[in-house]
Amino acid sequence: MLALILAEFAYGLTGSTVHELLGLGVLGLFVLHGGWNWRWFAGLLKGRYRGIRLATLTINVSLLISAVLMMVSGVVNSELLFRTTSIKLELMPRALHTASAYWLVVLASIHLGLHWTQIMAEVRRLFPKCLHLLNSWGAMPIVGSVIVISAFGFHAALDRSLYARMIAYYSFGDWDFARSIAGFFVQYLAIVAFHACVAHCALRCGRSLRSRTADTESLIKRG
């Protein structure tokens, strides 16, 4: 789904029709993803909300809102729909579609980072030999690579005016695909890696802080 979302940003490369068809693919995968995780929805009304759980819920709800806005605004401004049905809606500004798309990629990256432990557990199950080879390199090269990629991702976010685009200050399309196609996707993959890394580190810090707080409260009660 994330790969399709990144492909959606290459509007100057794909053109309108492919862009809209890819959008339908994102919609289908989004619904499928929600169906696979129905237990999360079933547990929303159970337990208390604070700390990490509240932050995760906020990210997920924001992600859902941005996805709905992006898809609805895409449908009502669809050129493909207009050509096939002669119905032209344009009930929502295209700037909203653009801004919500950038919100979506950032929030999806954060969502990815928050679930990185589960993702790596699945990778470990499916590709144990590859992960063992990766671990054999040692921690320092891996950590160093993550830092370099994240730093490049932050630079790419500023270079692409990502945060200005999130408030509809800029719109799609200023990349010269005749110069480099790979460069476009490398930049966006690095942007995803940067936000995922920040989210994952924040989650680990939050859990560590919660654990220390719990230990402190336990000692106080014993005292």
Protein backbone atom coordinates (compact mmCIF):
# COMPACT_ATOMS: atom_id res chain seq x y z
CA MET A 1 0.00 0.00 0.00
CA LEU A 2 2.84 2.36 0.85
CA ALA A 3 4.52 1.56 -2.46
CA LEU A 4 1.32 2.49 -4.33
CA ILE A 5 1.02 5.71 -2.34
CA LEU A 6 4.56 6.69 -3.34
CA ALA A 7 3.78 5.83 -6.96
CA GLU A 8 0.79 8.17 -6.70
CA PHE A 9 3.15 11.08 -6.12
CA ALA A 10 4.79 10.43 -9.50
CA TYR A 11 1.82 12.04 -11.28
CA GLY A 12 4.11 13.60 -13.88
CA LEU A 13 5.37 10.13 -14.75
CA THR A 14 2.16 8.07 -14.62
CA GLY A 15 -0.40 10.52 -15.99
CA SER A 16 -3.98 11.02 -14.84
CA THR A 17 -5.52 7.63 -15.75
CA VAL A 18 -2.82 5.48 -14.13
CA HIS A 19 -2.80 7.84 -11.15
CA GLU A 20 -6.51 7.27 -10.58
CA LEU A 21 -6.29 3.51 -11.10
CA LEU A 22 -3.47 3.32 -8.58
CA GLY A 23 -5.70 5.30 -6.23
CA LEU A 24 -8.36 2.60 -6.52
CA GLY A 25 -5.68 0.06 -5.65
CA VAL A 26 -4.76 2.05 -2.54
CA LEU A 27 -8.44 2.20 -1.56
CA GLY A 28 -8.83 -1.57 -1.93
CA LEU A 29 -5.70 -2.31 0.12
CA PHE A 30 -6.75 0.23 2.75
CA VAL A 31 -10.08 -1.54 3.23
CA LEU A 32 -8.34 -4.94 3.25
CA HIS A 33 -5.84 -3.73 5.84
CA GLY A 34 -8.66 -2.52 8.06
CA GLY A 35 -10.43 -5.87 7.71
CA TRP A 36 -7.32 -7.81 8.69
CA ASN A 37 -7.01 -5.67 11.82
CA TRP A 38 -10.66 -5.87 12.92
CA ARG A 39 -9.56 -6.92 16.43
CA TRP A 40 -7.99 -3.48 16.91
CA PHE A 41 -11.31 -1.83 16.07
CA ALA A 42 -13.15 -4.26 18.37
CA GLY A 43 -10.92 -3.27 21.29
CA LEU A 44 -11.28 0.50 20.92
CA LEU A 45 -13.91 0.75 23.67
CA LYS A 46 -11.97 -1.45 26.09
CA GLY A 47 -9.44 -0.27 28.65
CA ARG A 48 -8.10 3.17 29.44
CA TYR A 49 -6.44 5.63 27.09
CA ARG A 50 -3.25 7.32 28.15
CA GLY A 51 0.33 7.70 27.03
CA ILE A 52 1.38 5.47 24.17
CA ARG A 53 -2.09 4.05 23.51
CA LEU A 54 -3.57 7.54 23.24
CA ALA A 55 -0.77 8.68 20.91
CA THR A 56 -1.22 5.60 18.72
CA LEU A 57 -4.97 6.17 18.51
CA THR A 58 -4.43 9.81 17.55
CA ILE A 59 -2.04 8.80 14.74
CA ASN A 60 -4.39 6.11 13.45
CA VAL A 61 -7.47 8.36 13.51
CA SER A 62 -5.52 11.13 11.76
CA LEU A 63 -4.33 8.61 9.19
CA LEU A 64 -7.91 7.48 8.58
CA ILE A 65 -9.13 11.08 8.19
CA SER A 66 -6.35 11.96 5.74
CA ALA A 67 -7.02 8.79 3.72
CA VAL A 68 -10.75 9.48 3.52
CA LEU A 69 -10.18 13.11 2.50
CA MET A 70 -7.63 12.10 -0.14
CA MET A 71 -9.86 9.41 -1.64
CA VAL A 72 -13.10 11.41 -1.57
CA SER A 73 -11.45 14.51 -3.03
CA GLY A 74 -9.83 12.30 -5.67
CA VAL A 75 -13.17 10.78 -6.68
CA VAL A 76 -15.05 14.07 -6.94
CA ASN A 77 -12.26 15.54 -9.09
CA SER A 78 -11.77 12.40 -11.19
CA GLU A 79 -11.03 12.99 -14.87
CA LEU A 80 -11.53 9.27 -15.57
CA LEU A 81 -14.99 9.39 -14.01
CA PHE A 82 -15.87 12.43 -16.09
CA ARG A 83 -14.71 10.79 -19.33
CA THR A 84 -16.63 7.55 -18.72
CA THR A 85 -19.87 8.94 -17.27
CA SER A 86 -19.93 12.60 -18.36
CA ILE A 87 -20.39 13.47 -14.65
CA LYS A 88 -18.06 16.20 -13.45
CA LEU A 89 -18.33 16.91 -9.73
CA GLU A 90 -15.39 19.02 -8.49
CA LEU A 91 -17.10 19.53 -5.14
CA MET A 92 -13.79 19.77 -3.29
CA PRO A 93 -10.68 21.79 -4.18
CA ARG A 94 -7.75 19.89 -5.64
CA ALA A 95 -5.52 21.58 -3.07
CA LEU A 96 -7.28 19.50 -0.39
CA HIS A 97 -6.47 16.33 -2.33
CA THR A 98 -2.81 17.33 -2.51
CA ALA A 99 -2.47 18.33 1.14
CA SER A 100 -4.27 15.22 2.42
CA ALA A 101 -2.00 13.03 0.26
CA TYR A 102 1.10 14.49 1.91
CA TRP A 103 -0.46 14.09 5.34
CA LEU A 104 -1.20 10.49 4.40
CA VAL A 105 2.39 9.61 3.46
CA VAL A 106 3.79 11.19 6.64
CA LEU A 107 1.20 9.56 8.92
CA ALA A 108 1.59 6.21 7.13
CA SER A 109 5.35 6.43 7.71
CA ILE A 110 4.79 7.15 11.41
CA HIS A 111 2.31 4.26 11.56
CA LEU A 112 4.98 2.05 10.00
CA GLY A 113 7.51 3.11 12.63
CA LEU A 114 5.10 2.45 15.50
CA HIS A 115 4.61 -1.12 14.24
CA TRP A 116 8.23 -1.77 13.27
CA THR A 117 8.69 -4.46 15.94
CA GLN A 118 5.74 -6.47 14.56
CA ILE A 119 6.99 -5.97 11.00
CA MET A 120 10.47 -7.25 11.86
CA ALA A 121 8.96 -10.23 13.68
CA GLU A 122 7.13 -11.13 10.47
CA VAL A 123 10.30 -10.62 8.41
CA ARG A 124 12.15 -12.85 10.87
CA ARG A 125 9.55 -15.55 10.37
CA LEU A 126 9.51 -15.34 6.57
CA PHE A 127 13.21 -14.68 5.89
CA PRO A 128 15.22 -16.02 8.84
CA LYS A 129 18.45 -16.48 6.84
CA CYS A 130 18.41 -12.94 5.44
CA LEU A 131 17.84 -11.44 8.88
CA HIS A 132 20.59 -13.61 10.38
CA LEU A 133 22.99 -12.34 7.70
CA LEU A 134 21.97 -8.77 8.46
CA ASN A 135 22.51 -9.25 12.19
CA SER A 136 25.95 -10.75 11.54
CA TRP A 137 27.12 -7.34 10.30
CA GLY A 138 26.88 -5.97 13.83
CA ALA A 139 24.89 -3.12 15.33
CA MET A 140 27.14 -0.20 14.40
CA PRO A 141 26.87 -0.48 10.58
CA ILE A 142 23.09 -0.91 10.83
CA VAL A 143 22.66 2.04 13.21
CA GLY A 144 25.00 4.13 11.08
CA SER A 145 23.02 3.31 7.93
CA VAL A 146 19.74 4.22 9.65
CA ILE A 147 21.18 7.57 10.76
CA VAL A 148 22.50 8.39 7.28
CA ILE A 149 19.23 7.40 5.56
CA SER A 150 17.14 9.34 8.11
CA ALA A 151 19.35 12.43 7.72
CA PHE A 152 18.96 12.24 3.96
CA GLY A 153 15.20 11.76 4.42
CA PHE A 154 14.96 14.92 6.53
CA HIS A 155 16.97 16.83 3.93
CA ALA A 156 14.72 15.43 1.17
CA ALA A 157 11.60 16.49 3.09
CA LEU A 158 12.89 20.06 3.22
CA ASP A 159 14.10 19.93 -0.39
CA ARG A 160 10.67 18.73 -1.56
CA SER A 161 8.94 21.39 0.62
CA LEU A 162 7.01 18.51 2.17
CA TYR A 163 5.73 20.38 5.20
CA ALA A 164 4.66 23.38 3.12
CA ARG A 165 2.75 20.99 0.86
CA MET A 166 0.93 19.59 3.89
CA ILE A 167 -0.76 22.97 4.36
CA ALA A 168 -1.47 23.27 0.61
CA TYR A 169 1.15 25.98 0.15
CA TYR A 170 2.57 24.01 -2.77
CA SER A 171 0.98 21.39 -5.00
CA PHE A 172 2.11 18.34 -6.96
CA GLY A 173 4.67 18.32 -9.67
CA ASP A 174 8.01 20.02 -9.89
CA TRP A 175 10.23 16.97 -10.44
CA ASP A 176 11.96 16.51 -13.79
CA PHE A 177 11.40 12.82 -14.52
CA ALA A 178 13.45 13.13 -17.70
CA ARG A 179 16.45 13.78 -15.48
CA SER A 180 15.95 10.95 -12.98
CA ILE A 181 13.11 8.60 -12.07
CA ALA A 182 15.08 6.66 -9.46
CA GLY A 183 16.06 9.87 -7.66
CA PHE A 184 12.40 10.75 -7.11
CA PHE A 185 11.59 7.44 -5.43
CA VAL A 186 14.85 7.37 -3.46
CA GLN A 187 13.96 10.74 -1.96
CA TYR A 188 10.46 9.65 -0.98
CA LEU A 189 11.66 6.32 0.42
CA ALA A 190 14.16 8.22 2.55
CA ILE A 191 11.38 10.55 3.71
CA VAL A 192 9.35 7.51 4.76
CA ALA A 193 12.39 6.06 6.55
CA PHE A 194 13.00 9.33 8.41
CA HIS A 195 9.48 9.63 9.81
CA ALA A 196 9.29 5.90 10.58
CA CYS A 197 12.60 6.08 12.44
CA VAL A 198 11.51 9.10 14.49
CA ALA A 199 8.25 7.36 15.41
CA HIS A 200 10.00 4.11 16.35
CA CYS A 201 12.57 5.91 18.52
CA ALA A 202 9.84 7.97 20.21
CA LEU A 203 7.89 4.77 20.94
CA ARG A 204 10.93 3.08 22.49
CA CYS A 205 11.67 6.16 24.60
CA GLY A 206 8.04 6.28 25.74
CA ARG A 207 8.07 2.63 26.75
CA SER A 208 11.36 3.03 28.57
CA LEU A 209 10.02 6.06 30.44
CA ARG A 210 6.83 4.20 31.34
CA SER A 211 8.85 1.25 32.63
CA ARG A 212 11.04 3.49 34.79
CA THR A 213 8.00 5.29 36.14
CA ALA A 214 6.37 1.97 37.03
CA ASP A 215 9.55 0.81 38.78
CA THR A 216 9.72 4.05 40.74
CA GLU A 217 6.09 3.78 41.83
CA SER A 218 6.69 0.18 42.86
CA LEU A 219 9.67 1.20 45.03
CA ILE A 220 7.64 4.00 46.62
CA LYS A 221 4.85 1.60 47.51
CA ARG A 222 7.32 -0.87 49.01
CA GLY A 223 8.94 1.92 51.01
